[in-house]
């Protein structure tokens, strides 16, 4: 069965009924899975907590949408997701080793432009054999995980 893992930017686009996203979804077979993962839902919730400039009603509407459309079937982070995450980090480290062996992993990833949450989202897509739908570039991640197909509907 065909399945897609939507990143935060595409969940947002779906909520706002962006034409390209709506058209793409309408063109998919009816049994196609459209999923989000715990990391994406966490990013959305964090965004609401950090951005107090949008009105509460809009945030409540967005939360209700996410709770209805994605939370019931949200993919969790499991032990096997952790192994996929470790594999991706290892591949990045091997392809782009730090100049200083004492550098911390997250600092090195930041230097490479790698968002750790993106590594987790790709790990979920890899684990479940899903196509990742994102607007994020993820250059380093994509070059070391060619087995995860990435699409952008925006």
Protein backbone atom coordinates (compact mmCIF):
# COMPACT_ATOMS: atom_id res chain seq x y z
CA UNK A 1 0.00 0.00 0.00
CA UNK A 2 1.26 3.45 -0.93
CA UNK A 3 1.99 5.71 2.02
CA UNK A 4 3.29 9.19 2.65
CA UNK A 5 4.80 10.71 5.77
CA UNK A 6 3.94 14.40 5.90
CA UNK A 7 6.42 16.80 7.45
CA UNK A 8 5.30 19.85 9.41
CA UNK A 9 5.24 22.16 6.38
CA UNK A 10 2.85 19.85 4.51
CA UNK A 11 0.53 19.30 7.49
CA UNK A 12 0.37 23.10 7.67
CA UNK A 13 -0.29 23.37 3.92
CA UNK A 14 -3.08 20.80 4.20
CA UNK A 15 -4.66 22.72 7.09
CA UNK A 16 -4.53 25.89 4.99
CA UNK A 17 -5.90 23.98 1.97
CA UNK A 18 -3.01 24.95 -0.33
CA UNK A 19 -4.15 24.10 -3.89
CA UNK A 20 -1.08 22.05 -4.88
CA UNK A 21 -1.39 19.84 -1.81
CA UNK A 22 -5.15 19.41 -2.18
CA UNK A 23 -4.77 18.53 -5.89
CA UNK A 24 -2.03 15.99 -5.17
CA UNK A 25 -4.05 14.29 -2.45
CA UNK A 26 -7.13 14.20 -4.71
CA UNK A 27 -5.04 12.42 -7.38
CA UNK A 28 -3.89 9.63 -5.03
CA UNK A 29 -5.60 6.24 -4.84
CA UNK A 30 -8.29 6.22 -2.13
CA UNK A 31 -6.43 3.73 0.10
CA UNK A 32 -3.23 5.83 0.21
CA UNK A 33 -1.93 6.43 3.70
CA UNK A 34 -1.26 10.03 4.73
CA UNK A 35 0.55 9.96 8.05
CA UNK A 36 2.52 12.13 10.42
CA UNK A 37 4.88 11.03 13.16
CA UNK A 38 5.35 11.96 16.79
CA UNK A 39 8.26 14.27 15.90
CA UNK A 40 6.12 16.27 13.44
CA UNK A 41 3.29 16.56 15.95
CA UNK A 42 5.78 17.71 18.57
CA UNK A 43 7.15 20.35 16.21
CA UNK A 44 3.63 21.63 15.56
CA UNK A 45 2.82 21.81 19.27
CA UNK A 46 6.15 23.51 20.02
CA UNK A 47 5.39 26.07 17.33
CA UNK A 48 2.09 26.91 19.03
CA UNK A 49 3.80 27.32 22.38
CA UNK A 50 6.58 29.52 20.96
CA UNK A 51 4.42 31.69 18.70
CA UNK A 52 2.03 33.65 20.85
CA UNK A 53 1.37 36.22 18.10
CA UNK A 54 -1.24 34.12 16.28
CA UNK A 55 -4.66 34.26 17.84
CA UNK A 56 -5.80 31.50 20.18
CA UNK A 57 -8.79 30.57 18.03
CA UNK A 58 -6.53 29.89 15.02
CA UNK A 59 -4.22 27.72 17.17
CA UNK A 60 -7.24 25.86 18.57
CA UNK A 61 -8.57 25.21 15.04
CA UNK A 62 -5.16 23.92 13.94
CA UNK A 63 -4.89 21.69 17.03
CA UNK A 64 -8.38 20.29 16.40
CA UNK A 65 -7.43 19.57 12.77
CA UNK A 66 -4.20 17.79 13.78
CA UNK A 67 -5.98 15.84 16.52
CA UNK A 68 -8.64 14.65 14.09
CA UNK A 69 -6.55 14.00 10.98
CA UNK A 70 -3.16 12.87 12.27
CA UNK A 71 -2.92 12.18 16.01
CA UNK A 72 -5.00 8.95 16.02
CA UNK A 73 -2.62 7.24 13.55
CA UNK A 74 0.59 9.14 14.31
CA UNK A 75 3.65 6.95 14.01
CA UNK A 76 5.56 6.67 17.28
CA UNK A 77 9.28 6.73 17.84
CA UNK A 78 10.24 3.15 18.64
CA UNK A 79 13.41 1.23 19.40
CA UNK A 80 13.71 0.35 15.72
CA UNK A 81 13.29 4.04 14.83
CA UNK A 82 16.24 4.69 17.12
CA UNK A 83 18.29 2.18 15.14
CA UNK A 84 17.32 3.87 11.86
CA UNK A 85 18.26 7.23 13.39
CA UNK A 86 21.64 5.84 14.45
CA UNK A 87 22.23 4.44 10.96
CA UNK A 88 21.50 7.82 9.35
CA UNK A 89 23.73 9.73 11.79
CA UNK A 90 26.49 7.17 11.20
CA UNK A 91 26.21 7.56 7.44
CA UNK A 92 26.38 11.36 7.69
CA UNK A 93 29.36 11.15 10.06
CA UNK A 94 31.16 8.78 7.70
CA UNK A 95 30.52 10.90 4.61
CA UNK A 96 31.21 14.22 6.37
CA UNK A 97 33.62 13.54 9.25
CA UNK A 98 34.39 16.45 11.56
CA UNK A 99 37.77 18.12 11.37
CA UNK A 100 38.04 17.85 15.14
CA UNK A 101 37.39 14.40 16.64
CA UNK A 102 36.24 15.97 19.92
CA UNK A 103 33.27 17.77 18.38
CA UNK A 104 29.88 16.77 19.75
CA UNK A 105 27.46 15.10 17.37
CA UNK A 106 24.78 17.79 17.48
CA UNK A 107 27.34 20.58 17.00
CA UNK A 108 28.74 18.79 13.96
CA UNK A 109 25.25 18.23 12.53
CA UNK A 110 24.45 21.93 12.97
CA UNK A 111 27.67 22.84 11.14
CA UNK A 112 26.52 20.60 8.27
CA UNK A 113 23.06 22.20 8.23
CA UNK A 114 21.38 19.04 9.51
CA UNK A 115 18.30 19.48 11.70
CA UNK A 116 18.19 16.59 14.18
CA UNK A 117 14.38 16.48 14.00
CA UNK A 118 14.68 15.92 10.25
CA UNK A 119 16.92 12.92 10.93
CA UNK A 120 14.21 11.47 13.17
CA UNK A 121 11.48 12.09 10.58
CA UNK A 122 13.55 10.44 7.84
CA UNK A 123 14.23 7.54 10.23
CA UNK A 124 10.46 7.05 10.62
CA UNK A 125 9.97 7.13 6.82
CA UNK A 126 12.81 4.63 6.40
CA UNK A 127 11.46 2.32 9.09
CA UNK A 128 7.95 2.24 7.60
CA UNK A 129 8.83 2.38 3.90
CA UNK A 130 7.02 5.68 3.41
CA UNK A 131 7.61 8.50 0.95
CA UNK A 132 8.58 11.63 2.88
CA UNK A 133 6.70 14.76 1.86
CA UNK A 134 8.59 17.89 2.86
CA UNK A 135 9.70 21.26 1.64
CA UNK A 136 12.92 21.01 3.66
CA UNK A 137 16.08 20.53 1.59
CA UNK A 138 17.79 18.01 3.92
CA UNK A 139 20.82 17.86 1.60
CA UNK A 140 23.15 15.82 3.85
CA UNK A 141 20.38 13.48 4.96
CA UNK A 142 19.07 12.86 1.45
CA UNK A 143 22.52 12.07 0.07
CA UNK A 144 23.09 9.34 2.66
CA UNK A 145 19.56 7.87 2.65
CA UNK A 146 18.75 7.46 -1.04
CA UNK A 147 16.35 4.65 -0.21
CA UNK A 148 13.85 7.17 1.21
CA UNK A 149 11.99 8.86 -1.60
CA UNK A 150 11.25 12.55 -0.96
CA UNK A 151 8.55 14.66 -2.60
CA UNK A 152 7.41 18.24 -2.22
CA UNK A 153 3.83 19.12 -3.06
CA UNK A 154 4.20 22.86 -2.48
